[in-house]
Protein backbone atom coordinates (compact mmCIF):
# COMPACT_ATOMS: atom_id res chain seq x y z
CA UNK A 1 0.00 0.00 0.00
CA UNK A 2 2.89 2.37 0.72
CA UNK A 3 4.13 2.01 -2.87
CA UNK A 4 0.67 2.85 -4.22
CA UNK A 5 0.39 5.86 -1.96
CA UNK A 6 3.88 6.92 -3.01
CA UNK A 7 2.81 6.64 -6.64
CA UNK A 8 -0.23 8.82 -5.96
CA UNK A 9 1.89 11.43 -4.21
CA UNK A 10 4.41 11.39 -7.04
CA UNK A 11 1.64 11.85 -9.61
CA UNK A 12 0.15 14.73 -7.61
CA UNK A 13 3.59 16.35 -7.31
CA UNK A 14 4.15 16.07 -11.05
CA UNK A 15 0.71 17.64 -11.55
CA UNK A 16 1.91 20.71 -9.64
CA UNK A 17 0.93 19.95 -6.02
CA UNK A 18 4.02 20.71 -3.88
CA UNK A 19 2.20 19.58 -0.71
CA UNK A 20 2.22 16.04 -2.11
CA UNK A 21 6.02 15.99 -2.17
CA UNK A 22 6.04 17.40 1.36
CA UNK A 23 4.17 14.25 2.42
CA UNK A 24 6.90 12.09 0.87
CA UNK A 25 9.50 14.08 2.79
CA UNK A 26 7.61 13.60 6.06
CA UNK A 27 7.20 9.89 5.33
CA UNK A 28 10.87 9.16 4.60
CA UNK A 29 13.01 11.86 6.21
CA UNK A 30 13.63 10.17 9.57
CA UNK A 31 14.42 6.83 7.95
CA UNK A 32 16.81 8.42 5.46
CA UNK A 33 18.58 10.55 8.07
CA UNK A 34 19.00 7.51 10.33
CA UNK A 35 20.61 5.52 7.50
CA UNK A 36 22.85 8.42 6.54
CA UNK A 37 24.02 8.95 10.13
CA UNK A 38 25.64 5.53 10.10
CA UNK A 39 27.22 6.15 6.72
CA UNK A 40 28.51 9.65 7.51
CA UNK A 41 29.13 9.42 11.26
CA UNK A 42 27.33 12.67 12.09
CA UNK A 43 23.71 13.72 12.44
CA UNK A 44 24.46 17.18 11.08
CA UNK A 45 26.04 15.75 7.92
CA UNK A 46 23.16 13.28 7.60
CA UNK A 47 20.59 16.08 7.81
CA UNK A 48 22.48 18.13 5.20
CA UNK A 49 22.81 15.20 2.79
CA UNK A 50 19.16 14.21 3.29
CA UNK A 51 18.10 17.74 2.39
CA UNK A 52 20.27 17.65 -0.72
CA UNK A 53 18.80 14.26 -1.65
CA UNK A 54 15.21 15.47 -1.29
CA UNK A 55 15.92 18.55 -3.41
CA UNK A 56 17.55 16.40 -6.10
CA UNK A 57 14.68 13.89 -5.95
CA UNK A 58 12.17 16.71 -6.39
CA UNK A 59 14.09 18.07 -9.38
CA UNK A 60 14.48 14.61 -10.96
CA UNK A 61 11.03 13.28 -10.05
CA UNK A 62 9.99 13.07 -13.70
CA UNK A 63 12.78 10.51 -14.23
CA UNK A 64 11.41 8.18 -11.53
CA UNK A 65 9.98 5.20 -13.40
CA UNK A 66 8.66 3.14 -10.50
CA UNK A 67 10.88 0.13 -11.28
CA UNK A 68 11.83 0.12 -7.60
CA UNK A 69 10.26 1.60 -4.49
CA UNK A 70 10.45 5.38 -4.17
CA UNK A 71 12.58 5.03 -1.03
CA UNK A 72 15.09 2.83 -2.87
CA UNK A 73 15.41 5.49 -5.57
CA UNK A 74 15.68 8.25 -2.97
CA UNK A 75 18.30 6.30 -1.02
CA UNK A 76 20.46 5.91 -4.15
CA UNK A 77 20.32 9.68 -4.65
CA UNK A 78 21.26 10.21 -0.99
CA UNK A 79 24.07 7.66 -1.18
CA UNK A 80 25.57 9.46 -4.17
CA UNK A 81 25.26 12.79 -2.37
CA UNK A 82 26.95 11.29 0.70
CA UNK A 83 29.85 9.98 -1.39
CA UNK A 84 30.25 13.42 -2.96
CA UNK A 85 30.17 15.05 0.48
CA UNK A 86 32.82 12.68 1.81
CA UNK A 87 35.06 13.25 -1.19
CA UNK A 88 34.68 17.00 -1.02
CA UNK A 89 35.20 17.35 2.71
CA UNK A 90 37.43 14.30 3.24
CA UNK A 91 35.45 13.43 6.33
CA UNK A 92 37.63 11.66 8.88
CA UNK A 93 36.47 9.10 11.42
CA UNK A 94 34.54 10.70 14.25
CA UNK A 95 35.90 11.08 17.75
CA UNK A 96 34.76 8.72 20.49
CA UNK A 97 32.40 11.35 21.91
CA UNK A 98 30.87 12.05 18.54
CA UNK A 99 30.40 8.33 17.81
CA UNK A 100 28.62 7.86 21.10
CA UNK A 101 26.46 10.93 20.44
CA UNK A 102 25.46 9.86 16.93
CA UNK A 103 24.83 6.24 17.89
CA UNK A 104 21.85 7.34 19.97
CA UNK A 105 22.96 5.12 22.84
CA UNK A 106 22.40 6.67 26.22
CA UNK A 107 24.44 5.88 29.33
CA UNK A 108 23.09 2.93 31.27
CA UNK A 109 20.56 3.96 33.92
CA UNK A 110 21.50 3.44 37.58
CA UNK A 111 18.16 1.71 38.11
CA UNK A 112 19.48 -1.48 36.50
CA UNK A 113 21.89 -1.94 39.38
CA UNK A 114 24.98 -1.92 37.16
CA UNK A 115 28.11 -0.74 38.86
CA UNK A 116 29.97 2.27 37.50
CA UNK A 117 32.68 -0.12 36.28
CA UNK A 118 30.09 -2.19 34.41
CA UNK A 119 28.55 0.92 32.83
CA UNK A 120 31.98 2.11 31.75
CA UNK A 121 32.72 -1.27 30.18
CA UNK A 122 29.39 -1.20 28.31
CA UNK A 123 30.07 2.29 26.99
CA UNK A 124 33.58 1.26 25.94
CA UNK A 125 32.15 -1.77 24.11
CA UNK A 126 29.69 0.42 22.22
CA UNK A 127 32.43 2.88 21.30
CA UNK A 128 34.70 0.04 20.17
CA UNK A 129 32.04 -1.39 17.86
CA UNK A 130 31.18 2.07 16.47
CA UNK A 131 34.85 2.81 15.85
CA UNK A 132 35.42 -0.54 14.13
CA UNK A 133 32.31 0.01 12.00
CA UNK A 134 33.57 3.45 10.89
CA UNK A 135 36.89 1.88 9.82
CA UNK A 136 35.27 -0.61 7.44
CA UNK A 137 35.50 0.18 3.74
CA UNK A 138 32.51 2.28 2.64
CA UNK A 139 30.84 -0.45 0.57
CA UNK A 140 31.12 -2.98 3.42
CA UNK A 141 29.88 -0.52 6.05
CA UNK A 142 26.99 0.59 3.89
CA UNK A 143 25.66 -2.91 3.21
CA UNK A 144 26.17 -4.01 6.83
CA UNK A 145 24.34 -0.96 8.20
CA UNK A 146 21.45 -1.47 5.78
CA UNK A 147 21.14 -5.11 6.89
CA UNK A 148 21.88 -5.06 10.61
CA UNK A 149 20.82 -1.58 11.70
CA UNK A 150 18.15 -0.59 9.18
CA UNK A 151 16.76 -4.13 8.87
CA UNK A 152 16.55 -4.36 5.08
CA UNK A 153 16.45 -7.76 3.37
CA UNK A 154 19.22 -8.80 0.99
CA UNK A 155 16.86 -8.20 -1.94
CA UNK A 156 15.96 -4.70 -0.73
CA UNK A 157 19.64 -3.84 -0.28
CA UNK A 158 20.38 -5.02 -3.82
CA UNK A 159 17.63 -2.74 -5.13
CA UNK A 160 18.69 0.24 -3.01
CA UNK A 161 22.35 0.01 -3.99
CA UNK A 162 21.62 -1.19 -7.52
CA UNK A 163 24.02 -4.14 -7.22
CA UNK A 164 23.56 -7.90 -7.74
CA UNK A 165 22.15 -9.97 -4.87
CA UNK A 166 25.33 -12.07 -4.75
CA UNK A 167 27.40 -8.92 -4.25
CA UNK A 168 25.19 -7.92 -1.32
CA UNK A 169 25.64 -11.33 0.33
CA UNK A 170 29.39 -11.26 -0.26
CA UNK A 171 29.83 -7.73 1.09
CA UNK A 172 27.82 -8.45 4.22
CA UNK A 173 29.73 -11.64 4.89
CA UNK A 174 33.08 -9.93 4.35
CA UNK A 175 31.99 -6.90 6.40
CA UNK A 176 30.99 -9.10 9.33
CA UNK A 177 34.30 -10.97 9.18
CA UNK A 178 36.33 -7.78 8.94
CA UNK A 179 34.38 -6.25 11.83
CA UNK A 180 35.05 -9.34 13.99
CA UNK A 181 38.75 -9.27 13.04
CA UNK A 182 39.04 -5.57 13.90
CA UNK A 183 37.31 -6.07 17.24
CA UNK A 184 39.58 -9.01 18.09
CA UNK A 185 42.67 -6.92 17.30
CA UNK A 186 41.35 -4.02 19.38
CA UNK A 187 40.55 -6.18 22.39
CA UNK A 188 44.00 -7.82 22.29
CA UNK A 189 45.79 -4.47 22.43
């Protein structure tokens, strides 16, 4: 039903109703920003790139053919904008504080009875995983985030990234292995 409603909103937008496109923005903005945060490492960058993607999608809406879901098409636009942003700004890996901030993970509440040492260990574990994730090659990180964090199926990821299904499976497998290897090296040091 979402695809049909998207199609209606697209048709209304193309007929000159800007409020229809606003509804698409409302529908997909949070999801897109969340995905971009993991790719870019910063909420501010994710918000900027999402805005660029929506503007480009609006300008190119006539070229949308409906062969894939609107969000898949929008995500491809956003991914390309994110790659351009990274190239232009040469974004470096975020600091530990910034990774914790953008991960959305809050400090453990005292009500759970965890000791300060246990809470510190949990926060360090989260930071370690976030840091290792940021060090993965872009194509590995992107597919792994889409699968494990955003919850897309292999087929959906293939459509979003416009790559073969086998490539998606391979990248996710290799990303998981590389992430495990990085974490093992970090915990040995």
